[in-house]
C-alpha cells in the first residue's frame, strides 16, 4: 500500500484561517496548547510501536476528523475544519476521486455525532465509504 499523504499542522491552520475569513470572522492565532492538540490529532494515525492501527484511507481520514473534533485545537471552527481536512485527505490519497454529493444535513449529522462520541470507528468508516463510493 502506498504511503498515506497527510496535511501539516501549518496547512490545517491555513484552512482554518481561510474558513473563518470567508465567514467574516477574525481568526485568533493558534495557541501553543492548540498547536499541540493539532499535532496530536495528526499523530493519531501514525504507527504505534511499528503497528498500523489505521490501515485504510477511510480509517485514517476519519481518525483525523475525529481527533480534530475531540481535541479542539481551535477556539472556533473545529467541526468545519475537520470536515474540510477529512475531504482533502480523501482527495489526496485516492486517485481520480470525485467526492459524492452528500447533503449538508448528512454532513452535519456525521460531524455532530463524531464530536459528541455518538458514532463508532466502524460507523465513521462507513460514512467515509459513502463519500467515496466504489473508489476503495
C-alpha atoms as a PDB file:
ATOM      1  CA  UNK A   1       0.000   0.000   0.000  1.00  0.00           C
ATOM      2  CA  UNK A   2       1.386   3.460  -0.900  1.00  0.00           C
ATOM      3  CA  UNK A   3       2.149   5.771   1.986  1.00  0.00           C
ATOM      4  CA  UNK A   4      -0.688   7.907   3.258  1.00  0.00           C
ATOM      5  CA  UNK A   5      -0.372  11.564   2.273  1.00  0.00           C
ATOM      6  CA  UNK A   6      -1.375  13.953   5.015  1.00  0.00           C
ATOM      7  CA  UNK A   7      -1.545  17.653   5.709  1.00  0.00           C
ATOM      8  CA  UNK A   8       0.821  19.520   8.000  1.00  0.00           C
ATOM      9  CA  UNK A   9      -0.406  21.432  11.015  1.00  0.00           C
ATOM     10  CA  UNK A  10       0.524  24.662   9.171  1.00  0.00           C
ATOM     11  CA  UNK A  11      -1.674  23.661   6.219  1.00  0.00           C
ATOM     12  CA  UNK A  12      -4.578  22.930   8.566  1.00  0.00           C
ATOM     13  CA  UNK A  13      -4.035  26.266  10.305  1.00  0.00           C
ATOM     14  CA  UNK A  14      -4.309  27.932   6.880  1.00  0.00           C
ATOM     15  CA  UNK A  15      -7.542  26.037   6.156  1.00  0.00           C
ATOM     16  CA  UNK A  16      -8.901  27.295   9.485  1.00  0.00           C
ATOM     17  CA  UNK A  17      -7.775  30.860   8.782  1.00  0.00           C
ATOM     18  CA  UNK A  18      -9.353  30.879   5.293  1.00  0.00           C
ATOM     19  CA  UNK A  19     -12.590  29.326   6.565  1.00  0.00           C
ATOM     20  CA  UNK A  20     -13.087  31.914   9.292  1.00  0.00           C
ATOM     21  CA  UNK A  21     -12.152  34.798   6.980  1.00  0.00           C
ATOM     22  CA  UNK A  22     -14.690  33.529   4.427  1.00  0.00           C
ATOM     23  CA  UNK A  23     -17.320  33.553   7.188  1.00  0.00           C
ATOM     24  CA  UNK A  24     -16.438  37.142   8.102  1.00  0.00           C
ATOM     25  CA  UNK A  25     -14.791  36.193  11.388  1.00  0.00           C
ATOM     26  CA  UNK A  26     -11.400  37.252  12.673  1.00  0.00           C
ATOM     27  CA  UNK A  27      -9.341  34.085  13.304  1.00  0.00           C
ATOM     28  CA  UNK A  28      -7.355  34.032  16.525  1.00  0.00           C
ATOM     29  CA  UNK A  29      -3.771  32.780  16.355  1.00  0.00           C
ATOM     30  CA  UNK A  30      -3.384  29.156  17.393  1.00  0.00           C
ATOM     31  CA  UNK A  31      -2.098  28.925  20.969  1.00  0.00           C
ATOM     32  CA  UNK A  32       0.785  26.663  21.945  1.00  0.00           C
ATOM     33  CA  UNK A  33      -1.730  24.293  23.552  1.00  0.00           C
ATOM     34  CA  UNK A  34      -3.863  24.411  20.391  1.00  0.00           C
ATOM     35  CA  UNK A  35      -0.840  23.597  18.240  1.00  0.00           C
ATOM     36  CA  UNK A  36      -0.019  20.639  20.496  1.00  0.00           C
ATOM     37  CA  UNK A  37      -3.618  19.425  20.217  1.00  0.00           C
ATOM     38  CA  UNK A  38      -3.484  19.719  16.426  1.00  0.00           C
ATOM     39  CA  UNK A  39      -0.158  17.866  16.256  1.00  0.00           C
ATOM     40  CA  UNK A  40      -1.661  15.182  18.495  1.00  0.00           C
ATOM     41  CA  UNK A  41      -4.630  14.828  16.138  1.00  0.00           C
ATOM     42  CA  UNK A  42      -2.275  14.300  13.193  1.00  0.00           C
ATOM     43  CA  UNK A  43      -0.113  11.857  15.161  1.00  0.00           C
ATOM     44  CA  UNK A  44      -3.124   9.650  15.897  1.00  0.00           C
ATOM     45  CA  UNK A  45      -2.737   7.831  12.577  1.00  0.00           C
ATOM     46  CA  UNK A  46       0.995   7.200  12.893  1.00  0.00           C
ATOM     47  CA  UNK A  47       2.134   3.622  13.563  1.00  0.00           C
ATOM     48  CA  UNK A  48       2.431   2.848  17.267  1.00  0.00           C
ATOM     49  CA  UNK A  49       5.460   0.673  18.080  1.00  0.00           C
ATOM     50  CA  UNK A  50       5.531  -0.271  14.407  1.00  0.00           C
ATOM     51  CA  UNK A  51       1.872  -1.356  14.327  1.00  0.00           C
ATOM     52  CA  UNK A  52      -0.556   0.347  11.931  1.00  0.00           C
ATOM     53  CA  UNK A  53      -3.781   0.884  13.889  1.00  0.00           C
ATOM     54  CA  UNK A  54      -5.452   2.573  10.910  1.00  0.00           C
ATOM     55  CA  UNK A  55      -4.861   0.651   7.715  1.00  0.00           C
ATOM     56  CA  UNK A  56      -7.211   2.095   5.078  1.00  0.00           C
ATOM     57  CA  UNK A  57      -7.578   5.600   3.720  1.00  0.00           C
ATOM     58  CA  UNK A  58     -11.075   5.799   5.244  1.00  0.00           C
ATOM     59  CA  UNK A  59      -9.824   4.663   8.652  1.00  0.00           C
ATOM     60  CA  UNK A  60      -7.034   7.245   8.615  1.00  0.00           C
ATOM     61  CA  UNK A  61      -9.095  10.165   7.279  1.00  0.00           C
ATOM     62  CA  UNK A  62     -11.936   9.519   9.723  1.00  0.00           C
ATOM     63  CA  UNK A  63      -9.451   9.143  12.620  1.00  0.00           C
ATOM     64  CA  UNK A  64      -8.040  12.602  11.863  1.00  0.00           C
ATOM     65  CA  UNK A  65     -11.588  14.003  11.584  1.00  0.00           C
ATOM     66  CA  UNK A  66     -12.433  12.525  14.987  1.00  0.00           C
ATOM     67  CA  UNK A  67      -9.209  13.732  16.604  1.00  0.00           C
ATOM     68  CA  UNK A  68      -9.566  17.333  15.396  1.00  0.00           C
ATOM     69  CA  UNK A  69     -13.182  17.332  16.601  1.00  0.00           C
ATOM     70  CA  UNK A  70     -12.357  15.958  20.019  1.00  0.00           C
ATOM     71  CA  UNK A  71      -9.011  17.674  20.634  1.00  0.00           C
ATOM     72  CA  UNK A  72     -10.444  21.156  19.887  1.00  0.00           C
ATOM     73  CA  UNK A  73      -7.197  22.789  18.749  1.00  0.00           C
ATOM     74  CA  UNK A  74      -9.007  25.955  17.572  1.00  0.00           C
ATOM     75  CA  UNK A  75     -11.148  28.361  19.570  1.00  0.00           C
ATOM     76  CA  UNK A  76     -13.847  28.098  16.877  1.00  0.00           C
ATOM     77  CA  UNK A  77     -14.475  26.084  13.732  1.00  0.00           C
ATOM     78  CA  UNK A  78     -13.142  22.661  14.759  1.00  0.00           C
ATOM     79  CA  UNK A  79     -16.056  20.711  13.264  1.00  0.00           C
ATOM     80  CA  UNK A  80     -15.979  22.597   9.965  1.00  0.00           C
ATOM     81  CA  UNK A  81     -12.191  22.359   9.697  1.00  0.00           C
ATOM     82  CA  UNK A  82     -12.246  18.639  10.489  1.00  0.00           C
ATOM     83  CA  UNK A  83     -14.702  18.017   7.638  1.00  0.00           C
ATOM     84  CA  UNK A  84     -12.597  20.008   5.160  1.00  0.00           C
ATOM     85  CA  UNK A  85      -9.442  18.159   6.257  1.00  0.00           C
ATOM     86  CA  UNK A  86     -11.279  14.809   6.006  1.00  0.00           C
ATOM     87  CA  UNK A  87     -12.354  15.560   2.430  1.00  0.00           C
ATOM     88  CA  UNK A  88      -8.874  16.814   1.443  1.00  0.00           C
ATOM     89  CA  UNK A  89      -7.226  13.691   2.854  1.00  0.00           C
ATOM     90  CA  UNK A  90      -9.560  11.517   0.791  1.00  0.00           C
ATOM     91  CA  UNK A  91      -8.794  13.526  -2.342  1.00  0.00           C
ATOM     92  CA  UNK A  92      -5.035  13.406  -1.700  1.00  0.00           C
ATOM     93  CA  UNK A  93      -4.986   9.650  -1.200  1.00  0.00           C
ATOM     94  CA  UNK A  94      -7.491   8.249  -3.691  1.00  0.00           C
ATOM     95  CA  UNK A  95      -6.553   8.723  -7.315  1.00  0.00           C
ATOM     96  CA  UNK A  96      -9.160  10.478  -9.505  1.00  0.00           C
ATOM     97  CA  UNK A  97     -11.590  10.787  -6.625  1.00  0.00           C
ATOM     98  CA  UNK A  98     -14.715  12.833  -7.158  1.00  0.00           C
ATOM     99  CA  UNK A  99     -16.458  13.077  -3.824  1.00  0.00           C
ATOM    100  CA  UNK A 100     -20.093  12.069  -3.999  1.00  0.00           C
ATOM    101  CA  UNK A 101     -22.658  14.760  -3.342  1.00  0.00           C
ATOM    102  CA  UNK A 102     -23.635  14.416   0.298  1.00  0.00           C
ATOM    103  CA  UNK A 103     -26.343  16.671   1.711  1.00  0.00           C
ATOM    104  CA  UNK A 104     -25.403  19.361   4.203  1.00  0.00           C
ATOM    105  CA  UNK A 105     -27.769  17.715   6.707  1.00  0.00           C
ATOM    106  CA  UNK A 106     -25.926  14.386   6.366  1.00  0.00           C
ATOM    107  CA  UNK A 107     -22.555  16.110   6.795  1.00  0.00           C
ATOM    108  CA  UNK A 108     -23.780  17.960   9.877  1.00  0.00           C
ATOM    109  CA  UNK A 109     -25.149  14.765  11.420  1.00  0.00           C
ATOM    110  CA  UNK A 110     -21.861  12.959  10.726  1.00  0.00           C
ATOM    111  CA  UNK A 111     -19.764  15.727  12.293  1.00  0.00           C
ATOM    112  CA  UNK A 112     -22.021  16.246  15.312  1.00  0.00           C
ATOM    113  CA  UNK A 113     -22.187  12.508  16.005  1.00  0.00           C
ATOM    114  CA  UNK A 114     -18.391  12.361  15.822  1.00  0.00           C
ATOM    115  CA  UNK A 115     -17.926  15.407  18.047  1.00  0.00           C
ATOM    116  CA  UNK A 116     -20.385  14.032  20.614  1.00  0.00           C
ATOM    117  CA  UNK A 117     -18.937  10.485  20.603  1.00  0.00           C
ATOM    118  CA  UNK A 118     -22.173   9.054  19.150  1.00  0.00           C
ATOM    119  CA  UNK A 119     -20.627   7.018  16.364  1.00  0.00           C
ATOM    120  CA  UNK A 120     -18.095   4.212  16.393  1.00  0.00           C
ATOM    121  CA  UNK A 121     -14.948   3.859  14.345  1.00  0.00           C
ATOM    122  CA  UNK A 122     -16.838   1.448  12.078  1.00  0.00           C
ATOM    123  CA  UNK A 123     -19.683   3.935  11.579  1.00  0.00           C
ATOM    124  CA  UNK A 124     -17.215   6.691  10.670  1.00  0.00           C
ATOM    125  CA  UNK A 125     -15.559   4.392   8.126  1.00  0.00           C
ATOM    126  CA  UNK A 126     -18.979   3.541   6.624  1.00  0.00           C
ATOM    127  CA  UNK A 127     -19.744   7.261   6.318  1.00  0.00           C
ATOM    128  CA  UNK A 128     -16.393   7.704   4.575  1.00  0.00           C
ATOM    129  CA  UNK A 129     -17.277   4.939   2.149  1.00  0.00           C
ATOM    130  CA  UNK A 130     -20.487   6.808   1.282  1.00  0.00           C
ATOM    131  CA  UNK A 131     -18.333   9.796   0.275  1.00  0.00           C
ATOM    132  CA  UNK A 132     -16.073   7.794  -1.986  1.00  0.00           C
ATOM    133  CA  UNK A 133     -18.399   5.133  -3.373  1.00  0.00           C
ATOM    134  CA  UNK A 134     -16.559   2.377  -5.211  1.00  0.00           C
ATOM    135  CA  UNK A 135     -13.133   4.078  -5.207  1.00  0.00           C
ATOM    136  CA  UNK A 136     -11.688   1.886  -2.424  1.00  0.00           C
END
